[in-house]
Protein backbone atom coordinates (compact mmCIF):
# COMPACT_ATOMS: atom_id res chain seq x y z
CA MET A 1 -8.96 20.75 -2.23
CA ALA A 2 -8.41 17.06 -1.42
CA ASP A 3 -10.51 15.85 -4.36
CA ARG A 4 -8.78 17.81 -7.10
CA PRO A 5 -7.79 15.69 -10.10
CA VAL A 6 -4.16 14.64 -10.43
CA ALA A 7 -2.48 14.04 -13.79
CA ILE A 8 -1.94 10.35 -14.55
CA VAL A 9 1.80 10.85 -14.96
CA GLU A 10 2.08 12.30 -11.43
CA LYS A 11 0.26 9.39 -9.77
CA ARG A 12 2.06 6.61 -7.93
CA LEU A 13 1.88 3.09 -9.33
CA MET A 14 -0.52 1.93 -6.62
CA ASP A 15 -2.96 4.74 -7.52
CA VAL A 16 -3.01 4.00 -11.27
CA LYS A 17 -5.97 2.04 -12.62
CA LEU A 18 -5.45 -0.75 -15.12
CA GLY A 19 -6.82 1.30 -18.04
CA GLU A 20 -4.42 4.16 -17.23
CA LEU A 21 -1.32 1.94 -17.03
CA GLY A 22 -0.19 2.51 -20.63
CA THR A 23 -0.39 6.29 -20.29
CA TRP A 24 1.38 6.12 -16.94
CA LEU A 25 4.21 3.97 -18.35
CA GLY A 26 4.51 6.31 -21.34
CA GLY A 27 5.21 9.19 -18.97
CA ARG A 28 8.04 7.42 -17.12
CA ASP A 29 11.68 8.32 -17.70
CA PHE A 30 13.49 5.20 -18.96
CA THR A 31 16.83 6.88 -19.59
CA PRO A 32 19.78 5.68 -17.49
CA ASN A 33 19.57 8.81 -15.33
CA GLY A 34 15.82 8.30 -14.84
CA ILE A 35 16.28 4.67 -13.80
CA ILE A 36 19.08 5.59 -11.38
CA ALA A 37 16.91 8.35 -9.91
CA SER A 38 13.97 5.97 -9.41
CA VAL A 39 16.20 3.38 -7.69
CA ARG A 40 17.60 6.13 -5.47
CA ARG A 41 14.08 7.30 -4.56
CA GLY A 42 13.07 3.73 -3.75
CA HIS A 43 16.13 3.25 -1.57
CA ASP A 44 15.49 6.53 0.26
CA ARG A 45 11.85 5.58 0.82
CA TYR A 46 12.82 2.15 2.19
CA TYR A 47 15.58 3.59 4.38
CA ASN A 48 13.35 6.26 5.87
CA LYS A 49 10.46 3.85 6.48
CA TYR A 50 12.30 0.87 7.97
CA ILE A 51 15.87 1.79 8.94
CA ASN A 52 15.99 5.48 9.91
CA VAL A 53 13.33 5.46 12.63
CA LYS A 54 13.41 6.72 16.23
CA LYS A 55 12.51 3.41 17.83
CA GLY A 56 13.28 0.72 15.32
CA GLY A 57 13.41 -3.01 15.47
CA ILE A 58 14.84 -5.77 13.39
CA GLY A 59 12.00 -5.71 10.84
CA GLY A 60 13.69 -3.63 8.14
CA VAL A 61 16.97 -5.48 8.26
CA ALA A 62 15.16 -8.85 8.40
CA MET A 63 13.15 -7.89 5.31
CA LEU A 64 16.34 -6.99 3.46
CA LEU A 65 18.02 -10.27 4.45
CA ALA A 66 14.95 -12.32 3.48
CA GLY A 67 14.96 -10.62 0.08
CA TYR A 68 18.66 -11.43 -0.32
CA VAL A 69 18.09 -15.09 0.56
CA ALA A 70 15.18 -15.37 -1.89
CA LEU A 71 17.17 -13.69 -4.66
CA SER A 72 20.20 -15.92 -4.03
CA TYR A 73 18.01 -19.03 -4.18
CA PHE A 74 16.48 -17.81 -7.45
CA TRP A 75 19.92 -17.22 -8.97
CA GLU A 76 21.23 -20.64 -7.91
CA TYR A 77 18.04 -22.67 -8.57
CA ASP A 78 19.36 -24.44 -11.70
CA HIS A 79 22.44 -25.59 -9.81
CA LEU A 80 20.37 -26.75 -6.82
CA LYS A 81 17.90 -28.54 -9.08
CA HIS A 82 20.75 -30.35 -10.82
CA ASP A 83 22.17 -31.51 -7.47
CA ARG A 84 18.76 -32.78 -6.40
CA TRP A 85 18.48 -35.18 -9.36
CA ARG A 86 22.03 -36.51 -9.05
CA LYS A 87 22.37 -40.08 -7.75
CA TYR A 88 25.04 -40.78 -5.13
CA HIS A 89 25.49 -44.54 -5.45
């Protein structure tokens, strides 16, 4: 039973081979409701894996904060780069 074939559309992204990627992407739901549902599933998966645990630590929250810092730096990089080249004399 464990080795039964699974349809490409039902596979997770990590289980899809490179040659199957086009078929897998063609089976995704890119409507606004589909995108919202996929973001909600991702949030639920993250919350249940890192935040909603019996004996948790700071790992999940630290990962979220590190992602926020990296994203903020990416958004402000042009401004920071401009300040770096400015001469103060």
